[in-house]
Amino acid sequence: MSVSGSAASIGSGISWKNIFLNVSKYLGAVTLLGLMIGGVTRGYEGSLAFLAGSLLIYLCFSIGIVVVSITERRSMANAARALVATYVVKVFVLGIALLGFSWPSAIKNGWMLAGAICAVTVWLVVEMITIMKMRILYFDDHDGSAAKHLGD
């Protein structure tokens, strides 16, 4: 088995599809709740702004999942490089979208920020919980026996 093949098999332990589905499910529920709260407090403007913030972050999350799903087939090192590169591009594009794009006045309120913050929070918490539940092989040399064998 080649090095890249073994790296791809190691990386395949992360179920990006499950992460995507879980984030989508929980973010959908949080967005629905935010739409209702925004609608009650600010009317359709609050709901629309919350939805816009949530969708911007969800789009960034989805792009990352697609990139890592495609690139991890070759190796996890390629996936890591691709994620870093796309992260830089996403931050740049989001900055232009938020600062350079002329948003309608109905969306320019705190509810867009609230939607984005809620979406990022759900995304990171679900990813963290999913990865923490994974079984990852870990070898710890408490008694120094590996160092003794290396010296033989």
Protein backbone atom coordinates (compact mmCIF):
# COMPACT_ATOMS: atom_id res chain seq x y z
CA MET A 1 0.00 0.00 0.00
CA SER A 2 1.36 3.41 -0.91
CA VAL A 3 1.91 6.21 1.56
CA SER A 4 -0.88 8.29 0.08
CA GLY A 5 -3.20 5.27 0.17
CA SER A 6 -2.51 4.66 3.84
CA ALA A 7 -3.01 8.35 4.62
CA ALA A 8 -6.33 8.32 2.81
CA SER A 9 -7.46 5.27 4.76
CA ILE A 10 -6.50 6.95 8.02
CA GLY A 11 -8.43 10.07 7.08
CA SER A 12 -11.50 8.11 6.05
CA GLY A 13 -12.25 7.55 9.74
CA ILE A 14 -13.82 11.00 9.80
CA SER A 15 -17.31 10.78 8.39
CA TRP A 16 -17.69 14.12 6.64
CA LYS A 17 -21.15 13.07 5.46
CA ASN A 18 -22.29 12.54 9.07
CA ILE A 19 -20.79 15.88 10.12
CA PHE A 20 -22.56 17.58 7.22
CA LEU A 21 -25.91 15.93 8.01
CA ASN A 22 -25.67 16.66 11.74
CA VAL A 23 -24.69 20.30 11.24
CA SER A 24 -27.48 20.68 8.68
CA LYS A 25 -30.04 19.17 11.04
CA TYR A 26 -29.10 21.21 14.10
CA LEU A 27 -28.50 24.40 12.15
CA GLY A 28 -31.91 24.00 10.53
CA ALA A 29 -33.54 23.79 13.95
CA VAL A 30 -31.60 26.78 15.30
CA THR A 31 -32.34 28.80 12.16
CA LEU A 32 -36.05 28.02 12.43
CA LEU A 33 -36.03 29.17 16.05
CA GLY A 34 -34.08 32.31 15.11
CA LEU A 35 -36.53 33.05 12.30
CA MET A 36 -39.42 32.89 14.76
CA ILE A 37 -37.70 35.04 17.38
CA GLY A 38 -36.48 37.54 14.79
CA GLY A 39 -39.96 37.68 13.28
CA VAL A 40 -41.62 38.34 16.63
CA THR A 41 -39.16 41.03 17.70
CA ARG A 42 -38.35 42.76 14.40
CA GLY A 43 -40.87 41.45 11.88
CA TYR A 44 -39.93 40.05 8.51
CA GLU A 45 -36.72 42.14 8.55
CA GLY A 46 -35.44 40.28 11.59
CA SER A 47 -36.29 36.91 10.08
CA LEU A 48 -34.78 37.79 6.72
CA ALA A 49 -31.57 39.08 8.31
CA PHE A 50 -31.21 36.04 10.58
CA LEU A 51 -31.69 33.75 7.59
CA ALA A 52 -29.10 35.67 5.55
CA GLY A 53 -26.50 35.39 8.34
CA SER A 54 -27.16 31.69 8.81
CA LEU A 55 -27.02 30.95 5.10
CA LEU A 56 -23.71 32.77 4.61
CA ILE A 57 -22.05 30.66 7.28
CA TYR A 58 -23.74 27.47 6.08
CA LEU A 59 -22.40 28.13 2.59
CA CYS A 60 -18.86 28.46 3.97
CA PHE A 61 -19.27 25.27 5.98
CA SER A 62 -20.59 23.38 2.94
CA ILE A 63 -17.69 24.50 0.76
CA GLY A 64 -15.25 23.20 3.37
CA ILE A 65 -16.99 19.82 3.53
CA VAL A 66 -16.93 19.45 -0.25
CA VAL A 67 -13.24 20.40 -0.42
CA VAL A 68 -12.15 18.00 2.32
CA SER A 69 -14.30 15.17 0.96
CA ILE A 70 -12.66 15.46 -2.44
CA THR A 71 -9.06 16.05 -1.34
CA GLU A 72 -8.83 13.48 1.45
CA ARG A 73 -9.09 10.72 -1.13
CA ARG A 74 -5.49 11.47 -2.11
CA SER A 75 -4.12 12.18 1.36
CA MET A 76 -4.97 13.96 4.57
CA ALA A 77 -2.00 16.27 3.99
CA ASN A 78 -3.62 17.44 0.75
CA ALA A 79 -6.92 17.85 2.58
CA ALA A 80 -5.29 19.98 5.26
CA ARG A 81 -3.59 22.19 2.67
CA ALA A 82 -6.81 22.56 0.71
CA LEU A 83 -8.75 23.47 3.85
CA VAL A 84 -6.25 26.17 4.76
CA ALA A 85 -6.33 27.58 1.24
CA THR A 86 -10.12 27.58 1.06
CA TYR A 87 -10.32 29.12 4.53
CA VAL A 88 -8.28 32.10 3.37
CA VAL A 89 -10.40 32.44 0.23
CA LYS A 90 -13.67 32.13 2.20
CA VAL A 91 -12.62 34.81 4.70
CA PHE A 92 -11.63 37.13 1.85
CA VAL A 93 -14.88 36.52 -0.07
CA LEU A 94 -17.00 36.88 3.09
CA GLY A 95 -15.24 40.14 3.91
CA ILE A 96 -16.00 41.48 0.47
CA ALA A 97 -19.59 40.22 0.68
CA LEU A 98 -20.21 41.82 4.06
CA LEU A 99 -18.27 45.06 3.60
CA GLY A 100 -18.33 45.69 -0.12
CA PHE A 101 -21.76 44.46 -1.10
CA SER A 102 -24.67 46.84 -0.76
CA TRP A 103 -27.11 44.96 1.44
CA PRO A 104 -30.75 46.04 1.55
CA SER A 105 -31.54 48.21 4.56
CA ALA A 106 -34.02 45.59 5.77
CA ILE A 107 -31.14 43.14 6.36
CA LYS A 108 -28.67 45.61 7.86
CA ASN A 109 -29.50 44.99 11.50
CA GLY A 110 -28.19 42.92 14.38
CA TRP A 111 -30.19 39.87 13.40
CA MET A 112 -27.83 39.07 10.53
CA LEU A 113 -24.94 39.00 12.99
CA ALA A 114 -27.03 36.89 15.38
CA GLY A 115 -27.74 34.38 12.60
CA ALA A 116 -24.06 34.19 11.67
CA ILE A 117 -22.94 33.74 15.29
CA CYS A 118 -25.54 31.05 15.93
CA ALA A 119 -24.55 29.22 12.73
CA VAL A 120 -20.83 29.29 13.58
CA THR A 121 -21.56 28.09 17.11
CA VAL A 122 -23.71 25.17 15.91
CA TRP A 123 -21.14 24.25 13.25
CA LEU A 124 -18.19 24.18 15.66
CA VAL A 125 -20.04 22.43 18.51
CA VAL A 126 -21.39 19.67 16.26
CA GLU A 127 -17.98 19.12 14.64
CA MET A 128 -16.28 19.05 18.03
CA ILE A 129 -18.75 16.54 19.49
CA THR A 130 -18.58 14.33 16.41
CA ILE A 131 -14.79 14.26 16.34
CA MET A 132 -14.56 13.74 20.12
CA LYS A 133 -16.73 10.63 19.78
CA MET A 134 -14.35 9.12 17.21
CA ARG A 135 -12.05 6.32 18.24
CA ILE A 136 -8.53 7.43 17.43
CA LEU A 137 -5.58 5.12 17.99
CA TYR A 138 -3.22 6.63 20.51
CA PHE A 139 -0.06 5.12 21.91
CA ASP A 140 1.49 6.59 25.03
CA ASP A 141 4.80 5.40 26.37
CA HIS A 142 4.45 5.81 30.13
CA ASP A 143 7.17 3.45 31.26
CA GLY A 144 9.82 4.33 28.66
CA SER A 145 9.83 0.83 27.18
CA ALA A 146 9.80 2.18 23.61
CA ALA A 147 12.96 4.18 24.28
CA LYS A 148 14.66 1.05 25.69
CA HIS A 149 13.77 -0.96 22.57
CA LEU A 150 14.99 1.76 20.26
CA GLY A 151 18.42 1.65 21.93
CA ASP A 152 18.77 -2.14 21.40
